[in-house]
């Protein structure tokens, strides 16, 4: 069992910066990817950023490229999303996810946090 808990959300003004953190309750045996998604009520969940540890490779949604930065390392990472120059369209519930293995005897799974709310409004 592993829990992912996001924190750092809040109400901010356009143009400001905010850092989100994702705490992981226990070590993974191995991690393939760590990622952030966001969702606005009534809309589909949107990819934001991902770090693939197997490459390694980091990719961002075009809408956040150059403004958002993902980081995290190790097998019990604090997965951080640095958000800069926030825009109203960045508003949403941000979810952390990790695809990995808890033990070497199990298949990999995609684990999700419960989200943290970010509201960008003047």
C-alpha atoms as a PDB file:
ATOM      1  CA  UNK A   1       0.000   0.000   0.000  1.00  0.00           C
ATOM      2  CA  UNK A   2       1.180   3.472  -0.806  1.00  0.00           C
ATOM      3  CA  UNK A   3      -0.442   6.867  -0.514  1.00  0.00           C
ATOM      4  CA  UNK A   4       0.357   9.967  -2.494  1.00  0.00           C
ATOM      5  CA  UNK A   5      -0.611  13.256  -0.879  1.00  0.00           C
ATOM      6  CA  UNK A   6      -0.468  16.530  -2.764  1.00  0.00           C
ATOM      7  CA  UNK A   7      -0.040  19.863  -1.049  1.00  0.00           C
ATOM      8  CA  UNK A   8       0.669  23.468  -1.897  1.00  0.00           C
ATOM      9  CA  UNK A   9      -2.478  24.463  -3.711  1.00  0.00           C
ATOM     10  CA  UNK A  10      -4.299  27.675  -3.070  1.00  0.00           C
ATOM     11  CA  UNK A  11      -5.720  30.869  -4.494  1.00  0.00           C
ATOM     12  CA  UNK A  12      -3.199  32.962  -6.391  1.00  0.00           C
ATOM     13  CA  UNK A  13      -3.234  35.866  -8.793  1.00  0.00           C
ATOM     14  CA  UNK A  14      -2.318  35.624 -12.468  1.00  0.00           C
ATOM     15  CA  UNK A  15       1.400  35.953 -13.034  1.00  0.00           C
ATOM     16  CA  UNK A  16       2.331  34.507  -9.667  1.00  0.00           C
ATOM     17  CA  UNK A  17       4.204  31.309  -8.893  1.00  0.00           C
ATOM     18  CA  UNK A  18       3.276  28.298  -6.834  1.00  0.00           C
ATOM     19  CA  UNK A  19       4.965  25.026  -5.989  1.00  0.00           C
ATOM     20  CA  UNK A  20       3.036  21.819  -5.528  1.00  0.00           C
ATOM     21  CA  UNK A  21       4.471  18.850  -3.667  1.00  0.00           C
ATOM     22  CA  UNK A  22       3.533  15.206  -3.672  1.00  0.00           C
ATOM     23  CA  UNK A  23       4.564  13.189  -0.636  1.00  0.00           C
ATOM     24  CA  UNK A  24       4.862   9.423  -0.955  1.00  0.00           C
ATOM     25  CA  UNK A  25       4.073   7.330   2.105  1.00  0.00           C
ATOM     26  CA  UNK A  26       6.613   4.585   1.510  1.00  0.00           C
ATOM     27  CA  UNK A  27       9.430   3.543  -0.762  1.00  0.00           C
ATOM     28  CA  UNK A  28       8.764   2.036  -4.139  1.00  0.00           C
ATOM     29  CA  UNK A  29      10.835  -0.893  -5.268  1.00  0.00           C
ATOM     30  CA  UNK A  30      11.086   0.805  -8.634  1.00  0.00           C
ATOM     31  CA  UNK A  31       9.522   3.782 -10.378  1.00  0.00           C
ATOM     32  CA  UNK A  32       8.887   4.143 -14.088  1.00  0.00           C
ATOM     33  CA  UNK A  33       7.262   7.563 -14.234  1.00  0.00           C
ATOM     34  CA  UNK A  34       6.151  10.395 -12.027  1.00  0.00           C
ATOM     35  CA  UNK A  35       3.656  12.866 -13.364  1.00  0.00           C
ATOM     36  CA  UNK A  36       1.197  15.667 -12.735  1.00  0.00           C
ATOM     37  CA  UNK A  37      -2.275  16.013 -14.191  1.00  0.00           C
ATOM     38  CA  UNK A  38      -4.986  18.569 -13.628  1.00  0.00           C
ATOM     39  CA  UNK A  39      -8.737  18.622 -13.963  1.00  0.00           C
ATOM     40  CA  UNK A  40     -11.483  21.203 -13.988  1.00  0.00           C
ATOM     41  CA  UNK A  41     -14.964  20.048 -12.933  1.00  0.00           C
ATOM     42  CA  UNK A  42     -16.924  18.955 -15.954  1.00  0.00           C
ATOM     43  CA  UNK A  43     -13.830  18.551 -18.100  1.00  0.00           C
ATOM     44  CA  UNK A  44     -11.489  15.681 -18.794  1.00  0.00           C
ATOM     45  CA  UNK A  45      -8.290  15.228 -16.862  1.00  0.00           C
ATOM     46  CA  UNK A  46      -5.399  16.936 -18.616  1.00  0.00           C
ATOM     47  CA  UNK A  47      -1.778  15.882 -18.774  1.00  0.00           C
ATOM     48  CA  UNK A  48       0.594  18.485 -17.376  1.00  0.00           C
ATOM     49  CA  UNK A  49       4.074  17.063 -16.887  1.00  0.00           C
ATOM     50  CA  UNK A  50       5.871  13.745 -16.674  1.00  0.00           C
ATOM     51  CA  UNK A  51       9.316  12.473 -15.811  1.00  0.00           C
ATOM     52  CA  UNK A  52      10.174   9.086 -17.258  1.00  0.00           C
ATOM     53  CA  UNK A  53      12.969   7.641 -15.160  1.00  0.00           C
ATOM     54  CA  UNK A  54      13.819   4.990 -17.748  1.00  0.00           C
ATOM     55  CA  UNK A  55      15.126   7.402 -20.350  1.00  0.00           C
ATOM     56  CA  UNK A  56      15.356   9.755 -18.451  1.00  0.00           C
ATOM     57  CA  UNK A  57      13.023  12.113 -20.177  1.00  0.00           C
ATOM     58  CA  UNK A  58      10.801  14.975 -19.104  1.00  0.00           C
ATOM     59  CA  UNK A  59       7.842  16.145 -21.132  1.00  0.00           C
ATOM     60  CA  UNK A  60       5.306  18.905 -20.639  1.00  0.00           C
ATOM     61  CA  UNK A  61       1.974  19.822 -22.062  1.00  0.00           C
ATOM     62  CA  UNK A  62       2.385  22.541 -24.637  1.00  0.00           C
ATOM     63  CA  UNK A  63       0.233  24.876 -22.585  1.00  0.00           C
ATOM     64  CA  UNK A  64       2.664  24.821 -19.642  1.00  0.00           C
ATOM     65  CA  UNK A  65       5.977  24.374 -21.425  1.00  0.00           C
ATOM     66  CA  UNK A  66       8.504  26.906 -20.235  1.00  0.00           C
ATOM     67  CA  UNK A  67       6.401  27.807 -17.202  1.00  0.00           C
ATOM     68  CA  UNK A  68       6.051  24.562 -15.244  1.00  0.00           C
ATOM     69  CA  UNK A  69       8.834  22.246 -14.126  1.00  0.00           C
ATOM     70  CA  UNK A  70       8.587  18.766 -12.657  1.00  0.00           C
ATOM     71  CA  UNK A  71      11.198  17.206 -10.400  1.00  0.00           C
ATOM     72  CA  UNK A  72      11.601  14.140  -8.248  1.00  0.00           C
ATOM     73  CA  UNK A  73      14.154  11.452  -7.636  1.00  0.00           C
ATOM     74  CA  UNK A  74      14.779   8.274  -5.709  1.00  0.00           C
ATOM     75  CA  UNK A  75      12.340   5.575  -4.684  1.00  0.00           C
ATOM     76  CA  UNK A  76      10.380   7.642  -2.197  1.00  0.00           C
ATOM     77  CA  UNK A  77      10.413  10.927  -4.082  1.00  0.00           C
ATOM     78  CA  UNK A  78       8.869  14.205  -3.218  1.00  0.00           C
ATOM     79  CA  UNK A  79       7.440  15.000  -6.618  1.00  0.00           C
ATOM     80  CA  UNK A  80       7.396  18.741  -7.117  1.00  0.00           C
ATOM     81  CA  UNK A  81       5.637  20.822  -9.722  1.00  0.00           C
ATOM     82  CA  UNK A  82       7.031  24.323  -9.964  1.00  0.00           C
ATOM     83  CA  UNK A  83       4.481  26.597 -11.574  1.00  0.00           C
ATOM     84  CA  UNK A  84       5.393  30.051 -12.814  1.00  0.00           C
ATOM     85  CA  UNK A  85       3.522  32.841 -14.559  1.00  0.00           C
ATOM     86  CA  UNK A  86       0.227  31.252 -13.634  1.00  0.00           C
ATOM     87  CA  UNK A  87      -2.766  31.962 -15.812  1.00  0.00           C
ATOM     88  CA  UNK A  88      -6.484  31.626 -15.102  1.00  0.00           C
ATOM     89  CA  UNK A  89      -6.610  28.634 -17.426  1.00  0.00           C
ATOM     90  CA  UNK A  90      -4.194  26.854 -15.077  1.00  0.00           C
ATOM     91  CA  UNK A  91      -6.987  26.615 -12.528  1.00  0.00           C
ATOM     92  CA  UNK A  92      -7.891  23.087 -11.544  1.00  0.00           C
ATOM     93  CA  UNK A  93      -7.347  20.220  -9.183  1.00  0.00           C
ATOM     94  CA  UNK A  94      -3.798  18.988  -9.618  1.00  0.00           C
ATOM     95  CA  UNK A  95      -3.097  15.299  -9.203  1.00  0.00           C
ATOM     96  CA  UNK A  96       0.207  13.564  -8.665  1.00  0.00           C
ATOM     97  CA  UNK A  97       0.720  10.113 -10.116  1.00  0.00           C
ATOM     98  CA  UNK A  98       3.493   7.559  -9.988  1.00  0.00           C
ATOM     99  CA  UNK A  99       3.747   4.427 -12.059  1.00  0.00           C
ATOM    100  CA  UNK A 100       5.892   1.901 -10.286  1.00  0.00           C
ATOM    101  CA  UNK A 101       6.374  -1.293  -8.383  1.00  0.00           C
ATOM    102  CA  UNK A 102       5.885  -1.574  -4.645  1.00  0.00           C
ATOM    103  CA  UNK A 103       7.682  -4.931  -4.565  1.00  0.00           C
ATOM    104  CA  UNK A 104       9.650  -6.931  -7.092  1.00  0.00           C
ATOM    105  CA  UNK A 105       6.919  -9.583  -7.088  1.00  0.00           C
ATOM    106  CA  UNK A 106       4.094  -7.408  -8.334  1.00  0.00           C
ATOM    107  CA  UNK A 107       3.178  -5.825 -11.620  1.00  0.00           C
ATOM    108  CA  UNK A 108       3.541  -2.099 -11.911  1.00  0.00           C
ATOM    109  CA  UNK A 109       0.566   0.089 -11.090  1.00  0.00           C
ATOM    110  CA  UNK A 110      -0.394   3.684 -11.516  1.00  0.00           C
ATOM    111  CA  UNK A 111      -0.893   5.374  -8.154  1.00  0.00           C
ATOM    112  CA  UNK A 112      -2.766   8.627  -7.702  1.00  0.00           C
ATOM    113  CA  UNK A 113      -3.106  11.243  -5.049  1.00  0.00           C
ATOM    114  CA  UNK A 114      -6.419  12.857  -4.171  1.00  0.00           C
ATOM    115  CA  UNK A 115      -5.479  16.217  -5.590  1.00  0.00           C
ATOM    116  CA  UNK A 116      -4.825  19.761  -4.481  1.00  0.00           C
ATOM    117  CA  UNK A 117      -6.831  22.720  -5.729  1.00  0.00           C
ATOM    118  CA  UNK A 118      -5.203  25.609  -7.538  1.00  0.00           C
ATOM    119  CA  UNK A 119      -7.278  28.672  -8.361  1.00  0.00           C
ATOM    120  CA  UNK A 120      -5.732  31.415 -10.450  1.00  0.00           C
ATOM    121  CA  UNK A 121      -7.899  34.494 -10.340  1.00  0.00           C
ATOM    122  CA  UNK A 122      -7.460  38.221 -10.071  1.00  0.00           C
END
